[in-house]
Every structure is written in structure tokens, then in C-alpha cells.
Amino acid sequence: MNFKITILLLIALLSVSISPIIAKMLVNVPAVSISFWRMFIGSFALWILSIFFHQGRFQDKSNFYRTILSGILLGIHFVLFFQAIKLTYIANATFLGTLAPLFTLIFEIVFLKRKFKIQFIIGLIIAFSGAILILSKDFNISTEFTYGNIMAVLCSIVLALSFIIAEKVRQVENTIVYTRTLYLSAAITLLFIAFFQNAELVYFTYTDYYGLMILGLVPTLIGHNSFYYAVKYISPTIVSAFPIGEPIIASILAYFIFSEIIGLDIIFGGLLTLSGLIFLSIQNFSKKHEKNLFKKT
């Protein structure tokens, strides 16, 4: 793998890992408001950049519509994720929030009727076992803690749908053209959600605005845009495997910053989940590599 791309992916991983930490600090800002400003700032910066450095437009109109729909789902994903951050431990929210590759595979099997080897099923079982272990800790549907865990799982499901819809768009379209539209679509969606929830979008403290600015620029532009950019040069499977490291980094930061002590059950469940996802990524990469070899012969 290209050394520069590897460094870029590591920087992207560190960038996205601070997202749950910053969100946890914004105690007086509603989850939908955090999500809106993150997407709006990211989109605004990219559209301004496009004025000075022409980026062109979508090559295919159908890709534009797919991006809009994917953006709507991305907005919903962030509302669920940041709400989960406010209700449960960062370790729980991030471990359960990284299950998108798992649900993507399930959707491919159930709805797209794609066939996979038994190794994929093993990976599914391992990852699900870890997720169930995390969810079962102090499970009580009436508590905010459990509610937050469930929202973290739902955010992964929504993100998986977003991935499937824009699966090929990310590989053929210009990164900035794609992401500026994706983030704008998400921001508009979140604006409507905030309106119906009667959520406050302004009148925050200067510290809150600094936090929102960091979320819009660092995890969004540096983090996610780097992942989208890397897809053009290496396997999407390898790219999707890097964010799996986010729960580990975020959990370590949460321990030192918020004194969030992680129990052995969460550690074991998290390791099971990550092991399953990594196993799936390796198998998926091997499958694509075999296809490429077959095409060359």
C-alpha cells in the first residue's frame, strides 16, 4: 500500500477519533445541533474551496441523486450517533457505532442476494457476539444508558444503507464534488429535523462554537474526506477497516478526559466486535483480490 496513503489514513483515523470526545464536551448543545453544524461547516468550507479551485460537477446525474439520498441518511446517522454519545459511554457508542460494515454485509446477503463464503458468516457471528455482549450490560429498556446503546446500533444501520446507496459514486466522482453535496444534503436534512424538534441552533457559548468548528473541520474535512479520497487509490475494504480503530482511540481518550472506566465485559465485547469486523475486512479484500487475479488470466 502507498506510504503516503497510509499516513493519510492514520491522520484521518486520529481526526475522526476526536469527534465523540468533542461531542461529549458540548453538554449544552443538542445532538441534532451538533450534527447540523458539523455538516454545514464541512459543506460550507468545501463549497468555498470550489469557488477558488474549480472542481467540476457530477459525471452522471444518477450519482447526484444517490449522493442526495446518501446525505439524508448520513444526517440521520449523526443525530443518532451524537445522541448515543450523550446517553451512554463513549466506548459503547463508538464500538456499536462502527458496525456499519457488518450491516452492509447483511444487507448485501438479504436484499441484494449476493453470495459469500462461510468465512464471512463466521465474521458476522463474531462481530454480533461482541455487540450483543456490549448491549446486554445493564440492559434495561427504560434507562438512558440502554437507549443510548440502541441508538448507536441504529446509527450503524443507517450508515450501512448510506454506504450501499453511494457504493460506486465514491469511486468514480471527484472527492470534493461528492462530499460537498453529501454534507450539504445532510445539513439540510438536519435543519428540518431541528425545526420539528424545536432544537436550539444558535445562542451557544463561544466555547461551544469552537467545539462545533473543530467538528466541522477536523473529523469531517480532514478525517472523512481523507477516507473518501483514499478510496480512489486503494481497496475500499482496506479504507473501511481503518475507522475500526476509532473506538480504541476514543475509549482511551475518554478514560483520561472523562474518567470513563471501561469494564471487562465492554473490553471483551469490543475486542470481539473489532475482531469480527477485521476478519470480515480481510476476507472481503481476499475475495476482491481473487477476482482481480481471475480477470488478469
C-alpha atoms as a PDB file:
ATOM      1  CA  MET A   1       0.000   0.000   0.000  1.00  0.00           C
ATOM      2  CA  ASN A   2       1.264   3.507  -0.888  1.00  0.00           C
ATOM      3  CA  PHE A   3       3.167   5.003   2.083  1.00  0.00           C
ATOM      4  CA  LYS A   4       1.614   8.454   1.629  1.00  0.00           C
ATOM      5  CA  ILE A   5      -1.889   6.973   1.573  1.00  0.00           C
ATOM      6  CA  THR A   6      -1.096   5.002   4.740  1.00  0.00           C
ATOM      7  CA  ILE A   7      -0.006   8.200   6.532  1.00  0.00           C
ATOM      8  CA  LEU A   8      -3.125   9.950   5.233  1.00  0.00           C
ATOM      9  CA  LEU A   9      -5.349   7.173   6.602  1.00  0.00           C
ATOM     10  CA  LEU A  10      -3.641   7.294  10.009  1.00  0.00           C
ATOM     11  CA  ILE A  11      -4.163  11.067  10.181  1.00  0.00           C
ATOM     12  CA  ALA A  12      -7.791  10.528   9.165  1.00  0.00           C
ATOM     13  CA  LEU A  13      -8.226   7.926  11.909  1.00  0.00           C
ATOM     14  CA  LEU A  14      -6.853  10.269  14.582  1.00  0.00           C
ATOM     15  CA  SER A  15      -9.064  13.070  13.245  1.00  0.00           C
ATOM     16  CA  VAL A  16     -12.330  11.118  13.421  1.00  0.00           C
ATOM     17  CA  SER A  17     -11.432   9.698  16.836  1.00  0.00           C
ATOM     18  CA  ILE A  18     -11.739  13.118  18.497  1.00  0.00           C
ATOM     19  CA  SER A  19     -15.328  13.507  17.257  1.00  0.00           C
ATOM     20  CA  PRO A  20     -17.049  11.683  20.173  1.00  0.00           C
ATOM     21  CA  ILE A  21     -14.758  13.462  22.660  1.00  0.00           C
ATOM     22  CA  ILE A  22     -15.680  16.936  21.372  1.00  0.00           C
ATOM     23  CA  ALA A  23     -19.366  15.974  21.186  1.00  0.00           C
ATOM     24  CA  LYS A  24     -19.308  14.773  24.805  1.00  0.00           C
ATOM     25  CA  MET A  25     -17.887  18.147  25.851  1.00  0.00           C
ATOM     26  CA  LEU A  26     -20.759  20.025  24.196  1.00  0.00           C
ATOM     27  CA  VAL A  27     -23.163  19.253  27.048  1.00  0.00           C
ATOM     28  CA  ASN A  28     -25.448  22.228  26.337  1.00  0.00           C
ATOM     29  CA  VAL A  29     -25.744  21.656  22.593  1.00  0.00           C
ATOM     30  CA  PRO A  30     -28.487  19.260  21.363  1.00  0.00           C
ATOM     31  CA  ALA A  31     -27.355  16.269  19.305  1.00  0.00           C
ATOM     32  CA  VAL A  32     -29.184  17.497  16.198  1.00  0.00           C
ATOM     33  CA  SER A  33     -27.497  20.904  16.513  1.00  0.00           C
ATOM     34  CA  ILE A  34     -24.053  19.306  16.823  1.00  0.00           C
ATOM     35  CA  SER A  35     -24.819  17.233  13.732  1.00  0.00           C
ATOM     36  CA  PHE A  36     -26.134  20.222  11.749  1.00  0.00           C
ATOM     37  CA  TRP A  37     -23.168  22.473  12.431  1.00  0.00           C
ATOM     38  CA  ARG A  38     -20.688  19.687  11.739  1.00  0.00           C
ATOM     39  CA  MET A  39     -22.212  19.014   8.317  1.00  0.00           C
ATOM     40  CA  PHE A  40     -22.908  22.670   7.489  1.00  0.00           C
ATOM     41  CA  ILE A  41     -19.377  23.843   8.336  1.00  0.00           C
ATOM     42  CA  GLY A  42     -17.862  20.963   6.386  1.00  0.00           C
ATOM     43  CA  SER A  43     -20.069  21.625   3.369  1.00  0.00           C
ATOM     44  CA  PHE A  44     -19.581  25.410   3.514  1.00  0.00           C
ATOM     45  CA  ALA A  45     -15.785  25.048   3.571  1.00  0.00           C
ATOM     46  CA  LEU A  46     -15.843  22.724   0.556  1.00  0.00           C
ATOM     47  CA  TRP A  47     -18.156  24.977  -1.466  1.00  0.00           C
ATOM     48  CA  ILE A  48     -15.911  27.981  -0.712  1.00  0.00           C
ATOM     49  CA  LEU A  49     -12.899  25.923  -1.792  1.00  0.00           C
ATOM     50  CA  SER A  50     -14.714  25.088  -5.031  1.00  0.00           C
ATOM     51  CA  ILE A  51     -15.019  28.801  -5.854  1.00  0.00           C
ATOM     52  CA  PHE A  52     -11.241  29.252  -5.886  1.00  0.00           C
ATOM     53  CA  PHE A  53     -10.343  25.811  -7.209  1.00  0.00           C
ATOM     54  CA  HIS A  54     -12.830  24.620  -9.797  1.00  0.00           C
ATOM     55  CA  GLN A  55     -13.864  21.014  -9.120  1.00  0.00           C
ATOM     56  CA  GLY A  56     -16.358  20.402 -11.909  1.00  0.00           C
ATOM     57  CA  ARG A  57     -19.652  18.611 -11.387  1.00  0.00           C
ATOM     58  CA  PHE A  58     -21.102  15.101 -11.213  1.00  0.00           C
ATOM     59  CA  GLN A  59     -20.292  12.931 -14.228  1.00  0.00           C
ATOM     60  CA  ASP A  60     -23.656  11.194 -14.000  1.00  0.00           C
ATOM     61  CA  LYS A  61     -26.954  12.707 -12.855  1.00  0.00           C
ATOM     62  CA  SER A  62     -27.921   9.436 -11.165  1.00  0.00           C
ATOM     63  CA  ASN A  63     -24.818   9.782  -8.971  1.00  0.00           C
ATOM     64  CA  PHE A  64     -26.060  13.199  -7.888  1.00  0.00           C
ATOM     65  CA  TYR A  65     -29.407  11.761  -6.759  1.00  0.00           C
ATOM     66  CA  ARG A  66     -27.706   8.866  -4.994  1.00  0.00           C
ATOM     67  CA  THR A  67     -25.494  11.343  -3.151  1.00  0.00           C
ATOM     68  CA  ILE A  68     -28.514  13.391  -2.047  1.00  0.00           C
ATOM     69  CA  LEU A  69     -30.221  10.289  -0.654  1.00  0.00           C
ATOM     70  CA  SER A  70     -26.993   9.130   0.952  1.00  0.00           C
ATOM     71  CA  GLY A  71     -26.630  12.576   2.551  1.00  0.00           C
ATOM     72  CA  ILE A  72     -30.111  12.367   4.059  1.00  0.00           C
ATOM     73  CA  LEU A  73     -29.180   9.069   5.681  1.00  0.00           C
ATOM     74  CA  LEU A  74     -25.817  10.481   6.804  1.00  0.00           C
ATOM     75  CA  GLY A  75     -27.621  13.299   8.604  1.00  0.00           C
ATOM     76  CA  ILE A  76     -29.867  10.818  10.411  1.00  0.00           C
ATOM     77  CA  HIS A  77     -26.783   8.742  11.266  1.00  0.00           C
ATOM     78  CA  PHE A  78     -25.097  11.668  13.002  1.00  0.00           C
ATOM     79  CA  VAL A  79     -28.193  12.589  15.035  1.00  0.00           C
ATOM     80  CA  LEU A  80     -28.393   9.034  16.339  1.00  0.00           C
ATOM     81  CA  PHE A  81     -24.646   8.814  16.983  1.00  0.00           C
ATOM     82  CA  PHE A  82     -24.292  12.095  18.879  1.00  0.00           C
ATOM     83  CA  GLN A  83     -27.426  11.360  20.887  1.00  0.00           C
ATOM     84  CA  ALA A  84     -25.905   7.994  21.803  1.00  0.00           C
ATOM     85  CA  ILE A  85     -22.727   9.797  22.918  1.00  0.00           C
ATOM     86  CA  LYS A  86     -24.814  11.888  25.310  1.00  0.00           C
ATOM     87  CA  LEU A  87     -26.664   8.897  26.787  1.00  0.00           C
ATOM     88  CA  THR A  88     -24.080   6.136  27.091  1.00  0.00           C
ATOM     89  CA  TYR A  89     -20.333   5.640  27.473  1.00  0.00           C
ATOM     90  CA  ILE A  90     -18.106   6.723  24.607  1.00  0.00           C
ATOM     91  CA  ALA A  91     -16.713   3.174  24.415  1.00  0.00           C
ATOM     92  CA  ASN A  92     -20.218   1.738  23.932  1.00  0.00           C
ATOM     93  CA  ALA A  93     -21.286   4.364  21.400  1.00  0.00           C
ATOM     94  CA  THR A  94     -18.137   4.034  19.306  1.00  0.00           C
ATOM     95  CA  PHE A  95     -17.875   0.235  19.379  1.00  0.00           C
ATOM     96  CA  LEU A  96     -21.555  -0.144  18.444  1.00  0.00           C
ATOM     97  CA  GLY A  97     -21.302   2.789  16.044  1.00  0.00           C
ATOM     98  CA  THR A  98     -18.657   1.018  13.940  1.00  0.00           C
ATOM     99  CA  LEU A  99     -20.935  -1.882  12.986  1.00  0.00           C
ATOM    100  CA  ALA A 100     -21.775  -0.367   9.581  1.00  0.00           C
ATOM    101  CA  PRO A 101     -19.575  -2.869   7.638  1.00  0.00           C
ATOM    102  CA  LEU A 102     -21.388  -5.678   9.441  1.00  0.00           C
ATOM    103  CA  PHE A 103     -24.854  -4.415   8.490  1.00  0.00           C
ATOM    104  CA  THR A 104     -23.661  -3.618   4.970  1.00  0.00           C
ATOM    105  CA  LEU A 105     -22.758  -7.288   4.537  1.00  0.00           C
ATOM    106  CA  ILE A 106     -26.130  -8.378   5.948  1.00  0.00           C
ATOM    107  CA  PHE A 107     -27.990  -6.083   3.524  1.00  0.00           C
ATOM    108  CA  GLU A 108     -25.919  -7.451   0.647  1.00  0.00           C
ATOM    109  CA  ILE A 109     -26.836 -11.029   1.588  1.00  0.00           C
ATOM    110  CA  VAL A 110     -30.529 -10.464   2.378  1.00  0.00           C
ATOM    111  CA  PHE A 111     -31.601  -7.783  -0.112  1.00  0.00           C
ATOM    112  CA  LEU A 112     -29.008  -7.792  -2.896  1.00  0.00           C
ATOM    113  CA  LYS A 113     -28.789 -11.616  -2.864  1.00  0.00           C
ATOM    114  CA  ARG A 114     -25.001 -11.577  -3.014  1.00  0.00           C
ATOM    115  CA  LYS A 115     -23.321 -14.817  -2.012  1.00  0.00           C
ATOM    116  CA  PHE A 116     -20.427 -15.043   0.428  1.00  0.00           C
ATOM    117  CA  LYS A 117     -18.249 -17.855   1.735  1.00  0.00           C
ATOM    118  CA  ILE A 118     -18.682 -19.414   5.172  1.00  0.00           C
ATOM    119  CA  GLN A 119     -15.758 -17.281   6.447  1.00  0.00           C
ATOM    120  CA  PHE A 120     -17.947 -14.202   6.128  1.00  0.00           C
ATOM    121  CA  ILE A 121     -20.664 -15.836   8.215  1.00  0.00           C
ATOM    122  CA  ILE A 122     -18.068 -16.635  10.888  1.00  0.00           C
ATOM    123  CA  GLY A 123     -17.011 -12.990  10.911  1.00  0.00           C
ATOM    124  CA  LEU A 124     -20.664 -11.952  11.230  1.00  0.00           C
ATOM    125  CA  ILE A 125     -21.198 -14.229  14.216  1.00  0.00           C
ATOM    126  CA  ILE A 126     -18.036 -13.000  15.972  1.00  0.00           C
ATOM    127  CA  ALA A 127     -18.905  -9.323  15.479  1.00  0.00           C
ATOM    128  CA  PHE A 128     -22.531  -9.835  16.507  1.00  0.00           C
ATOM    129  CA  SER A 129     -21.457 -11.726  19.628  1.00  0.00           C
ATOM    130  CA  GLY A 130     -19.370  -8.761  20.729  1.00  0.00           C
ATOM    131  CA  ALA A 131     -22.177  -6.294  20.015  1.00  0.00           C
ATOM    132  CA  ILE A 132     -24.692  -8.392  21.977  1.00  0.00           C
ATOM    133  CA  LEU A 133     -22.271  -8.563  24.913  1.00  0.00           C
ATOM    134  CA  ILE A 134     -21.978  -4.767  24.968  1.00  0.00           C
ATOM    135  CA  LEU A 135     -25.741  -4.282  24.600  1.00  0.00           C
ATOM    136  CA  SER A 136     -26.552  -6.770  27.353  1.00  0.00           C
ATOM    137  CA  LYS A 137     -24.563  -4.868  30.001  1.00  0.00           C
ATOM    138  CA  ASP A 138     -27.083  -3.405  32.483  1.00  0.00           C
ATOM    139  CA  PHE A 139     -29.790  -3.850  29.842  1.00  0.00           C
ATOM    140  CA  ASN A 140     -32.970  -2.059  30.832  1.00  0.00           C
ATOM    141  CA  ILE A 141     -35.114  -0.550  28.089  1.00  0.00           C
ATOM    142  CA  SER A 142     -36.297   2.190  30.458  1.00  0.00           C
ATOM    143  CA  THR A 143     -32.797   3.580  31.110  1.00  0.00           C
ATOM    144  CA  GLU A 144     -30.978   6.228  29.066  1.00  0.00           C
ATOM    145  CA  PHE A 145     -27.869   4.030  29.084  1.00  0.00           C
ATOM    146  CA  THR A 146     -29.612   1.220  27.168  1.00  0.00           C
ATOM    147  CA  TYR A 147     -31.432   3.724  24.959  1.00  0.00           C
ATOM    148  CA  GLY A 148     -28.061   5.211  24.003  1.00  0.00           C
ATOM    149  CA  ASN A 149     -26.666   1.772  23.131  1.00  0.00           C
ATOM    150  CA  ILE A 150     -29.660   1.047  20.903  1.00  0.00           C
ATOM    151  CA  MET A 151     -29.282   4.408  19.143  1.00  0.00           C
ATOM    152  CA  ALA A 152     -25.618   3.591  18.476  1.00  0.00           C
ATOM    153  CA  VAL A 153     -26.660   0.356  16.744  1.00  0.00           C
ATOM    154  CA  LEU A 154     -29.329   2.195  14.739  1.00  0.00           C
ATOM    155  CA  CYS A 155     -26.778   4.779  13.600  1.00  0.00           C
ATOM    156  CA  SER A 156     -24.672   1.922  12.187  1.00  0.00           C
ATOM    157  CA  ILE A 157     -27.666   0.503  10.319  1.00  0.00           C
ATOM    158  CA  VAL A 158     -28.454   3.889   8.758  1.00  0.00           C
ATOM    159  CA  LEU A 159     -24.810   4.429   7.797  1.00  0.00           C
ATOM    160  CA  ALA A 160     -24.721   0.980   6.177  1.00  0.00           C
ATOM    161  CA  LEU A 161     -27.672   1.978   3.983  1.00  0.00           C
ATOM    162  CA  SER A 162     -25.864   5.197   3.087  1.00  0.00           C
ATOM    163  CA  PHE A 163     -22.757   3.207   2.104  1.00  0.00           C
ATOM    164  CA  ILE A 164     -24.721   0.848  -0.138  1.00  0.00           C
ATOM    165  CA  ILE A 165     -26.564   3.667  -1.938  1.00  0.00           C
ATOM    166  CA  ALA A 166     -23.338   5.560  -2.686  1.00  0.00           C
ATOM    167  CA  GLU A 167     -21.180   2.449  -3.120  1.00  0.00           C
ATOM    168  CA  LYS A 168     -19.957   3.219  -6.640  1.00  0.00           C
ATOM    169  CA  VAL A 169     -20.359   7.000  -6.518  1.00  0.00           C
ATOM    170  CA  ARG A 170     -17.381   7.421  -4.189  1.00  0.00           C
ATOM    171  CA  GLN A 171     -15.089   5.540  -6.575  1.00  0.00           C
ATOM    172  CA  VAL A 172     -15.874   7.463  -9.777  1.00  0.00           C
ATOM    173  CA  GLU A 173     -16.704  11.024  -8.718  1.00  0.00           C
ATOM    174  CA  ASN A 174     -14.378  13.817  -7.643  1.00  0.00           C
ATOM    175  CA  THR A 175     -13.966  13.674  -3.841  1.00  0.00           C
ATOM    176  CA  ILE A 176     -14.849  17.331  -3.240  1.00  0.00           C
ATOM    177  CA  VAL A 177     -17.778  17.295  -5.682  1.00  0.00           C
ATOM    178  CA  TYR A 178     -19.151  14.244  -3.899  1.00  0.00           C
ATOM    179  CA  THR A 179     -18.576  15.341  -0.289  1.00  0.00           C
ATOM    180  CA  ARG A 180     -19.699  18.966  -0.648  1.00  0.00           C
ATOM    181  CA  THR A 181     -23.063  17.698  -1.942  1.00  0.00           C
ATOM    182  CA  LEU A 182     -23.217  14.862   0.581  1.00  0.00           C
ATOM    183  CA  TYR A 183     -22.609  17.170   3.560  1.00  0.00           C
ATOM    184  CA  LEU A 184     -24.996  19.842   2.255  1.00  0.00           C
ATOM    185  CA  SER A 185     -27.757  17.264   1.822  1.00  0.00           C
ATOM    186  CA  ALA A 186     -27.098  16.042   5.376  1.00  0.00           C
ATOM    187  CA  ALA A 187     -27.110  19.619   6.739  1.00  0.00           C
ATOM    188  CA  ILE A 188     -30.456  20.446   5.098  1.00  0.00           C
ATOM    189  CA  THR A 189     -31.932  17.215   6.454  1.00  0.00           C
ATOM    190  CA  LEU A 190     -30.692  18.082   9.946  1.00  0.00           C
ATOM    191  CA  LEU A 191     -32.104  21.600   9.645  1.00  0.00           C
ATOM    192  CA  PHE A 192     -35.572  20.123   9.081  1.00  0.00           C
ATOM    193  CA  ILE A 193     -35.131  17.699  11.984  1.00  0.00           C
ATOM    194  CA  ALA A 194     -34.034  20.559  14.258  1.00  0.00           C
ATOM    195  CA  PHE A 195     -37.074  22.584  13.195  1.00  0.00           C
ATOM    196  CA  PHE A 196     -39.508  19.778  14.038  1.00  0.00           C
ATOM    197  CA  GLN A 197     -37.720  19.088  17.323  1.00  0.00           C
ATOM    198  CA  ASN A 198     -37.710  22.811  18.125  1.00  0.00           C
ATOM    199  CA  ALA A 199     -33.995  22.423  18.890  1.00  0.00           C
ATOM    200  CA  GLU A 200     -31.761  25.424  19.503  1.00  0.00           C
ATOM    201  CA  LEU A 201     -29.328  26.042  16.647  1.00  0.00           C
ATOM    202  CA  VAL A 202     -27.740  29.297  17.843  1.00  0.00           C
ATOM    203  CA  TYR A 203     -27.059  31.256  21.045  1.00  0.00           C
ATOM    204  CA  PHE A 204     -24.391  28.901  22.314  1.00  0.00           C
ATOM    205  CA  THR A 205     -21.260  29.862  24.234  1.00  0.00           C
ATOM    206  CA  TYR A 206     -18.010  30.778  22.478  1.00  0.00           C
ATOM    207  CA  THR A 207     -16.523  27.523  23.753  1.00  0.00           C
ATOM    208  CA  ASP A 208     -19.390  25.584  22.172  1.00  0.00           C
ATOM    209  CA  TYR A 209     -18.845  27.335  18.845  1.00  0.00           C
ATOM    210  CA  TYR A 210     -15.137  26.486  18.957  1.00  0.00           C
ATOM    211  CA  GLY A 211     -16.065  22.848  19.517  1.00  0.00           C
ATOM    212  CA  LEU A 212     -18.537  22.887  16.629  1.00  0.00           C
ATOM    213  CA  MET A 213     -15.929  24.492  14.380  1.00  0.00           C
ATOM    214  CA  ILE A 214     -13.409  21.774  15.252  1.00  0.00           C
ATOM    215  CA  LEU A 215     -16.008  19.081  14.486  1.00  0.00           C
ATOM    216  CA  GLY A 216     -16.750  20.625  11.103  1.00  0.00           C
ATOM    217  CA  LEU A 217     -13.122  20.995  10.077  1.00  0.00           C
ATOM    218  CA  VAL A 218     -11.068  18.214  11.683  1.00  0.00           C
ATOM    219  CA  PRO A 219     -13.149  14.976  11.787  1.00  0.00           C
ATOM    220  CA  THR A 220     -15.210  15.986   8.743  1.00  0.00           C
ATOM    221  CA  LEU A 221     -12.814  17.618   6.278  1.00  0.00           C
ATOM    222  CA  ILE A 222      -9.515  16.082   7.362  1.00  0.00           C
ATOM    223  CA  GLY A 223     -10.970  12.780   8.589  1.00  0.00           C
ATOM    224  CA  HIS A 224     -13.823  11.668   6.362  1.00  0.00           C
ATOM    225  CA  ASN A 225     -12.635  13.458   3.222  1.00  0.00           C
ATOM    226  CA  SER A 226      -9.297  11.671   3.518  1.00  0.00           C
ATOM    227  CA  PHE A 227     -11.112   8.324   3.674  1.00  0.00           C
ATOM    228  CA  TYR A 228     -13.186   9.207   0.596  1.00  0.00           C
ATOM    229  CA  TYR A 229     -10.046  10.362  -1.238  1.00  0.00           C
ATOM    230  CA  ALA A 230      -8.156   7.162  -0.398  1.00  0.00           C
ATOM    231  CA  VAL A 231     -10.920   5.010  -1.946  1.00  0.00           C
ATOM    232  CA  LYS A 232      -9.691   6.123  -5.371  1.00  0.00           C
ATOM    233  CA  TYR A 233      -6.250   4.623  -4.808  1.00  0.00           C
ATOM    234  CA  ILE A 234      -6.669   1.509  -2.654  1.00  0.00           C
ATOM    235  CA  SER A 235      -9.326  -1.081  -1.919  1.00  0.00           C
ATOM    236  CA  PRO A 236     -12.486   0.334  -0.264  1.00  0.00           C
ATOM    237  CA  THR A 237     -12.270  -2.641   2.094  1.00  0.00           C
ATOM    238  CA  ILE A 238      -8.887  -1.501   3.411  1.00  0.00           C
ATOM    239  CA  VAL A 239     -10.184   2.054   3.796  1.00  0.00           C
ATOM    240  CA  SER A 240     -13.274   0.867   5.680  1.00  0.00           C
ATOM    241  CA  ALA A 241     -11.054  -1.122   8.055  1.00  0.00           C
ATOM    242  CA  PHE A 242      -9.197   1.955   9.338  1.00  0.00           C
ATOM    243  CA  PRO A 243     -12.174   3.577  11.171  1.00  0.00           C
ATOM    244  CA  ILE A 244     -12.450   0.337  13.157  1.00  0.00           C
ATOM    245  CA  GLY A 245      -9.614   1.749  15.246  1.00  0.00           C
ATOM    246  CA  GLU A 246     -11.733   4.742  16.307  1.00  0.00           C
ATOM    247  CA  PRO A 247     -13.379   3.044  19.342  1.00  0.00           C
ATOM    248  CA  ILE A 248      -9.981   2.122  20.766  1.00  0.00           C
ATOM    249  CA  ILE A 249      -8.523   5.632  20.475  1.00  0.00           C
ATOM    250  CA  ALA A 250     -11.767   7.327  21.585  1.00  0.00           C
ATOM    251  CA  SER A 251     -12.130   4.988  24.584  1.00  0.00           C
ATOM    252  CA  ILE A 252      -8.566   5.692  25.724  1.00  0.00           C
ATOM    253  CA  LEU A 253      -9.134   9.446  25.411  1.00  0.00           C
ATOM    254  CA  ALA A 254     -12.461   9.149  27.284  1.00  0.00           C
ATOM    255  CA  TYR A 255     -10.711   7.324  30.125  1.00  0.00           C
ATOM    256  CA  PHE A 256      -8.216  10.148  30.658  1.00  0.00           C
ATOM    257  CA  ILE A 257     -10.538  13.083  29.898  1.00  0.00           C
ATOM    258  CA  PHE A 258     -13.879  11.961  31.379  1.00  0.00           C
ATOM    259  CA  SER A 259     -12.648   9.205  33.717  1.00  0.00           C
ATOM    260  CA  GLU A 260     -14.920   6.727  31.931  1.00  0.00           C
ATOM    261  CA  ILE A 261     -13.817   3.371  33.307  1.00  0.00           C
ATOM    262  CA  ILE A 262     -14.366   0.516  30.871  1.00  0.00           C
ATOM    263  CA  GLY A 263     -15.490  -2.794  32.390  1.00  0.00           C
ATOM    264  CA  LEU A 264     -14.023  -6.132  31.357  1.00  0.00           C
ATOM    265  CA  ASP A 265     -17.287  -7.074  29.629  1.00  0.00           C
ATOM    266  CA  ILE A 266     -17.101  -3.977  27.422  1.00  0.00           C
ATOM    267  CA  ILE A 267     -13.417  -4.617  26.691  1.00  0.00           C
ATOM    268  CA  PHE A 268     -14.117  -8.252  25.788  1.00  0.00           C
ATOM    269  CA  GLY A 269     -17.223  -7.351  23.777  1.00  0.00           C
ATOM    270  CA  GLY A 270     -15.351  -4.586  21.984  1.00  0.00           C
ATOM    271  CA  LEU A 271     -12.452  -6.871  21.115  1.00  0.00           C
ATOM    272  CA  LEU A 272     -14.886  -9.486  19.783  1.00  0.00           C
ATOM    273  CA  THR A 273     -16.643  -6.861  17.677  1.00  0.00           C
ATOM    274  CA  LEU A 274     -13.403  -5.464  16.276  1.00  0.00           C
ATOM    275  CA  SER A 275     -12.047  -8.972  15.622  1.00  0.00           C
ATOM    276  CA  GLY A 276     -15.171  -9.859  13.659  1.00  0.00           C
ATOM    277  CA  LEU A 277     -15.028  -6.647  11.618  1.00  0.00           C
ATOM    278  CA  ILE A 278     -11.310  -7.045  10.895  1.00  0.00           C
ATOM    279  CA  PHE A 279     -11.920 -10.681   9.891  1.00  0.00           C
ATOM    280  CA  LEU A 280     -14.668  -9.531   7.508  1.00  0.00           C
ATOM    281  CA  SER A 281     -12.385  -6.871   6.033  1.00  0.00           C
ATOM    282  CA  ILE A 282      -9.588  -9.380   5.416  1.00  0.00           C
ATOM    283  CA  GLN A 283     -11.985 -11.854   3.799  1.00  0.00           C
ATOM    284  CA  ASN A 284     -13.538  -9.130   1.658  1.00  0.00           C
ATOM    285  CA  PHE A 285     -10.113  -7.954   0.499  1.00  0.00           C
ATOM    286  CA  SER A 286      -9.100 -11.541  -0.349  1.00  0.00           C
ATOM    287  CA  LYS A 287     -12.297 -12.028  -2.335  1.00  0.00           C
ATOM    288  CA  LYS A 288     -11.703  -8.883  -4.403  1.00  0.00           C
ATOM    289  CA  HIS A 289      -8.039  -9.792  -4.907  1.00  0.00           C
ATOM    290  CA  GLU A 290      -9.054 -13.203  -6.261  1.00  0.00           C
ATOM    291  CA  LYS A 291     -11.455 -11.547  -8.697  1.00  0.00           C
ATOM    292  CA  ASN A 292      -8.712  -9.235  -9.971  1.00  0.00           C
ATOM    293  CA  LEU A 293      -6.336 -12.169 -10.481  1.00  0.00           C
ATOM    294  CA  PHE A 294      -9.044 -14.059 -12.355  1.00  0.00           C
ATOM    295  CA  LYS A 295      -9.624 -11.092 -14.653  1.00  0.00           C
ATOM    296  CA  LYS A 296      -5.906 -10.877 -15.492  1.00  0.00           C
ATOM    297  CA  THR A 297      -5.594 -14.538 -16.506  1.00  0.00           C
END
